[in-house]
């Protein structure tokens, strides 16, 4: 059920993002459209990353532990993959935001990476 909801929200957000990007320009749309672009791109990125993390983990387990009958590693559920992807999807949105105001230097990149590391550490401690 959670997977179906994610797919439905992801498709709706991708369609809305496509419409906003093609139908308006930032100069004529105003602040609400720019905010909508950032919000919808975050939603689409988070859902795509959720499925990427989940399927990559399944593939790695199948390739590395296919000869063993027991579970050799912790199983990553769709919900836990969503938690991680909700943190990791912030990176492109924050970097594009920084780039739009002209502040995307090496220091800002390091700060974004530190933010992601702290967020993933928090999710790993809370979701276990």
C-alpha atoms as a PDB file:
ATOM      1  CA  UNK A   1       0.000   0.000   0.000  1.00  0.00           C
ATOM      2  CA  UNK A   2       2.848   2.387   0.877  1.00  0.00           C
ATOM      3  CA  UNK A   3       4.468   1.685  -2.498  1.00  0.00           C
ATOM      4  CA  UNK A   4       1.265   2.459  -4.381  1.00  0.00           C
ATOM      5  CA  UNK A   5       0.883   5.755  -2.532  1.00  0.00           C
ATOM      6  CA  UNK A   6       4.485   6.676  -3.341  1.00  0.00           C
ATOM      7  CA  UNK A   7       3.981   5.897  -7.027  1.00  0.00           C
ATOM      8  CA  UNK A   8       0.743   7.899  -7.151  1.00  0.00           C
ATOM      9  CA  UNK A   9       2.264  10.935  -5.435  1.00  0.00           C
ATOM     10  CA  UNK A  10       5.399  10.703  -7.576  1.00  0.00           C
ATOM     11  CA  UNK A  11       3.487  10.620 -10.851  1.00  0.00           C
ATOM     12  CA  UNK A  12       1.238  13.500  -9.769  1.00  0.00           C
ATOM     13  CA  UNK A  13       4.245  15.581  -8.656  1.00  0.00           C
ATOM     14  CA  UNK A  14       6.132  14.857 -11.899  1.00  0.00           C
ATOM     15  CA  UNK A  15       3.138  15.903 -13.999  1.00  0.00           C
ATOM     16  CA  UNK A  16       2.653  19.072 -11.929  1.00  0.00           C
ATOM     17  CA  UNK A  17       6.375  19.873 -12.137  1.00  0.00           C
ATOM     18  CA  UNK A  18       6.339  19.412 -15.887  1.00  0.00           C
ATOM     19  CA  UNK A  19       3.351  21.724 -16.193  1.00  0.00           C
ATOM     20  CA  UNK A  20       4.825  24.449 -13.977  1.00  0.00           C
ATOM     21  CA  UNK A  21       8.186  24.352 -15.757  1.00  0.00           C
ATOM     22  CA  UNK A  22       6.741  24.486 -19.263  1.00  0.00           C
ATOM     23  CA  UNK A  23       3.818  26.845 -18.683  1.00  0.00           C
ATOM     24  CA  UNK A  24       5.483  29.631 -16.694  1.00  0.00           C
ATOM     25  CA  UNK A  25       8.737  31.524 -16.439  1.00  0.00           C
ATOM     26  CA  UNK A  26      10.225  32.570 -13.093  1.00  0.00           C
ATOM     27  CA  UNK A  27       9.909  36.265 -13.945  1.00  0.00           C
ATOM     28  CA  UNK A  28       6.181  36.170 -14.657  1.00  0.00           C
ATOM     29  CA  UNK A  29       5.143  33.484 -12.198  1.00  0.00           C
ATOM     30  CA  UNK A  30       6.410  34.981  -8.984  1.00  0.00           C
ATOM     31  CA  UNK A  31       7.586  33.507  -5.740  1.00  0.00           C
ATOM     32  CA  UNK A  32       4.827  30.898  -5.405  1.00  0.00           C
ATOM     33  CA  UNK A  33       5.730  29.191  -8.687  1.00  0.00           C
ATOM     34  CA  UNK A  34       9.415  29.146  -7.783  1.00  0.00           C
ATOM     35  CA  UNK A  35       8.537  27.611  -4.428  1.00  0.00           C
ATOM     36  CA  UNK A  36       6.321  25.072  -6.198  1.00  0.00           C
ATOM     37  CA  UNK A  37       9.196  24.094  -8.505  1.00  0.00           C
ATOM     38  CA  UNK A  38      11.515  23.502  -5.556  1.00  0.00           C
ATOM     39  CA  UNK A  39       8.870  21.584  -3.589  1.00  0.00           C
ATOM     40  CA  UNK A  40       7.809  19.408  -6.526  1.00  0.00           C
ATOM     41  CA  UNK A  41      11.403  18.675  -7.512  1.00  0.00           C
ATOM     42  CA  UNK A  42      12.089  17.595  -3.927  1.00  0.00           C
ATOM     43  CA  UNK A  43       9.081  15.253  -3.972  1.00  0.00           C
ATOM     44  CA  UNK A  44      10.050  13.713  -7.312  1.00  0.00           C
ATOM     45  CA  UNK A  45      13.689  13.326  -6.230  1.00  0.00           C
ATOM     46  CA  UNK A  46      12.710  11.716  -2.929  1.00  0.00           C
ATOM     47  CA  UNK A  47      10.432   9.161  -4.565  1.00  0.00           C
ATOM     48  CA  UNK A  48      12.903   8.283  -7.319  1.00  0.00           C
ATOM     49  CA  UNK A  49      15.659   7.873  -4.721  1.00  0.00           C
ATOM     50  CA  UNK A  50      13.379   5.705  -2.580  1.00  0.00           C
ATOM     51  CA  UNK A  51      12.933   3.161  -5.328  1.00  0.00           C
ATOM     52  CA  UNK A  52      16.598   3.411  -6.319  1.00  0.00           C
ATOM     53  CA  UNK A  53      17.805   2.709  -2.766  1.00  0.00           C
ATOM     54  CA  UNK A  54      15.303  -0.103  -2.251  1.00  0.00           C
ATOM     55  CA  UNK A  55      16.050  -1.848  -5.554  1.00  0.00           C
ATOM     56  CA  UNK A  56      19.809  -1.357  -5.270  1.00  0.00           C
ATOM     57  CA  UNK A  57      19.792  -2.919  -1.815  1.00  0.00           C
ATOM     58  CA  UNK A  58      17.779  -5.885  -3.085  1.00  0.00           C
ATOM     59  CA  UNK A  59      20.177  -6.313  -6.029  1.00  0.00           C
ATOM     60  CA  UNK A  60      23.267  -6.165  -3.833  1.00  0.00           C
ATOM     61  CA  UNK A  61      21.814  -8.714  -1.434  1.00  0.00           C
ATOM     62  CA  UNK A  62      20.908 -11.002  -4.314  1.00  0.00           C
ATOM     63  CA  UNK A  63      24.366 -10.742  -5.880  1.00  0.00           C
ATOM     64  CA  UNK A  64      26.430 -11.042  -2.711  1.00  0.00           C
ATOM     65  CA  UNK A  65      24.325 -13.354  -0.564  1.00  0.00           C
ATOM     66  CA  UNK A  66      22.501 -15.531  -3.113  1.00  0.00           C
ATOM     67  CA  UNK A  67      24.265 -18.693  -1.968  1.00  0.00           C
ATOM     68  CA  UNK A  68      23.210 -18.370   1.679  1.00  0.00           C
ATOM     69  CA  UNK A  69      19.845 -19.447   3.007  1.00  0.00           C
ATOM     70  CA  UNK A  70      19.637 -17.054   5.975  1.00  0.00           C
ATOM     71  CA  UNK A  71      19.545 -13.308   5.937  1.00  0.00           C
ATOM     72  CA  UNK A  72      23.137 -12.118   5.994  1.00  0.00           C
ATOM     73  CA  UNK A  73      22.376  -8.415   6.167  1.00  0.00           C
ATOM     74  CA  UNK A  74      19.638  -6.217   7.497  1.00  0.00           C
ATOM     75  CA  UNK A  75      16.669  -5.912   5.207  1.00  0.00           C
ATOM     76  CA  UNK A  76      15.888  -2.392   4.047  1.00  0.00           C
ATOM     77  CA  UNK A  77      12.157  -1.850   3.939  1.00  0.00           C
ATOM     78  CA  UNK A  78      10.478   0.573   1.589  1.00  0.00           C
ATOM     79  CA  UNK A  79       9.728   2.861   4.530  1.00  0.00           C
ATOM     80  CA  UNK A  80      13.370   2.934   5.669  1.00  0.00           C
ATOM     81  CA  UNK A  81      14.490   3.606   2.092  1.00  0.00           C
ATOM     82  CA  UNK A  82      12.007   6.499   2.032  1.00  0.00           C
ATOM     83  CA  UNK A  83      13.495   7.925   5.228  1.00  0.00           C
ATOM     84  CA  UNK A  84      16.984   7.898   3.737  1.00  0.00           C
ATOM     85  CA  UNK A  85      15.832   9.298   0.419  1.00  0.00           C
ATOM     86  CA  UNK A  86      13.949  12.129   2.099  1.00  0.00           C
ATOM     87  CA  UNK A  87      17.284  13.282   3.511  1.00  0.00           C
ATOM     88  CA  UNK A  88      19.314  12.672   0.349  1.00  0.00           C
ATOM     89  CA  UNK A  89      16.777  14.432  -1.890  1.00  0.00           C
ATOM     90  CA  UNK A  90      17.517  17.671  -0.089  1.00  0.00           C
ATOM     91  CA  UNK A  91      20.971  17.903  -1.686  1.00  0.00           C
ATOM     92  CA  UNK A  92      19.959  18.751  -5.268  1.00  0.00           C
ATOM     93  CA  UNK A  93      17.291  21.187  -4.109  1.00  0.00           C
ATOM     94  CA  UNK A  94      19.658  22.988  -1.741  1.00  0.00           C
ATOM     95  CA  UNK A  95      22.443  23.100  -4.336  1.00  0.00           C
ATOM     96  CA  UNK A  96      20.128  24.513  -7.011  1.00  0.00           C
ATOM     97  CA  UNK A  97      18.853  27.048  -4.480  1.00  0.00           C
ATOM     98  CA  UNK A  98      22.399  28.089  -3.623  1.00  0.00           C
ATOM     99  CA  UNK A  99      23.306  28.255  -7.297  1.00  0.00           C
ATOM    100  CA  UNK A 100      20.334  30.514  -8.016  1.00  0.00           C
ATOM    101  CA  UNK A 101      21.611  33.108  -5.550  1.00  0.00           C
ATOM    102  CA  UNK A 102      25.241  32.709  -6.634  1.00  0.00           C
ATOM    103  CA  UNK A 103      26.582  31.081  -3.478  1.00  0.00           C
ATOM    104  CA  UNK A 104      27.450  27.568  -4.662  1.00  0.00           C
ATOM    105  CA  UNK A 105      31.127  27.319  -3.762  1.00  0.00           C
ATOM    106  CA  UNK A 106      33.229  24.539  -2.260  1.00  0.00           C
ATOM    107  CA  UNK A 107      32.449  25.612   1.308  1.00  0.00           C
ATOM    108  CA  UNK A 108      28.720  25.408   0.675  1.00  0.00           C
ATOM    109  CA  UNK A 109      29.129  21.988  -0.953  1.00  0.00           C
ATOM    110  CA  UNK A 110      30.974  20.722   2.122  1.00  0.00           C
ATOM    111  CA  UNK A 111      28.257  22.136   4.376  1.00  0.00           C
ATOM    112  CA  UNK A 112      25.547  20.379   2.337  1.00  0.00           C
ATOM    113  CA  UNK A 113      27.480  17.089   2.568  1.00  0.00           C
ATOM    114  CA  UNK A 114      27.814  17.505   6.339  1.00  0.00           C
ATOM    115  CA  UNK A 115      24.065  18.165   6.548  1.00  0.00           C
ATOM    116  CA  UNK A 116      23.375  14.961   4.593  1.00  0.00           C
ATOM    117  CA  UNK A 117      25.749  12.932   6.768  1.00  0.00           C
ATOM    118  CA  UNK A 118      24.109  14.184   9.962  1.00  0.00           C
ATOM    119  CA  UNK A 119      20.648  13.501   8.545  1.00  0.00           C
ATOM    120  CA  UNK A 120      21.544   9.954   7.484  1.00  0.00           C
ATOM    121  CA  UNK A 121      23.136   9.293  10.873  1.00  0.00           C
ATOM    122  CA  UNK A 122      19.953  10.487  12.559  1.00  0.00           C
ATOM    123  CA  UNK A 123      17.761   8.270  10.351  1.00  0.00           C
ATOM    124  CA  UNK A 124      19.985   5.236  10.976  1.00  0.00           C
ATOM    125  CA  UNK A 125      19.699   5.720  14.735  1.00  0.00           C
ATOM    126  CA  UNK A 126      15.950   6.387  14.751  1.00  0.00           C
ATOM    127  CA  UNK A 127      14.852   3.782  12.195  1.00  0.00           C
ATOM    128  CA  UNK A 128      16.759   0.837  13.665  1.00  0.00           C
END
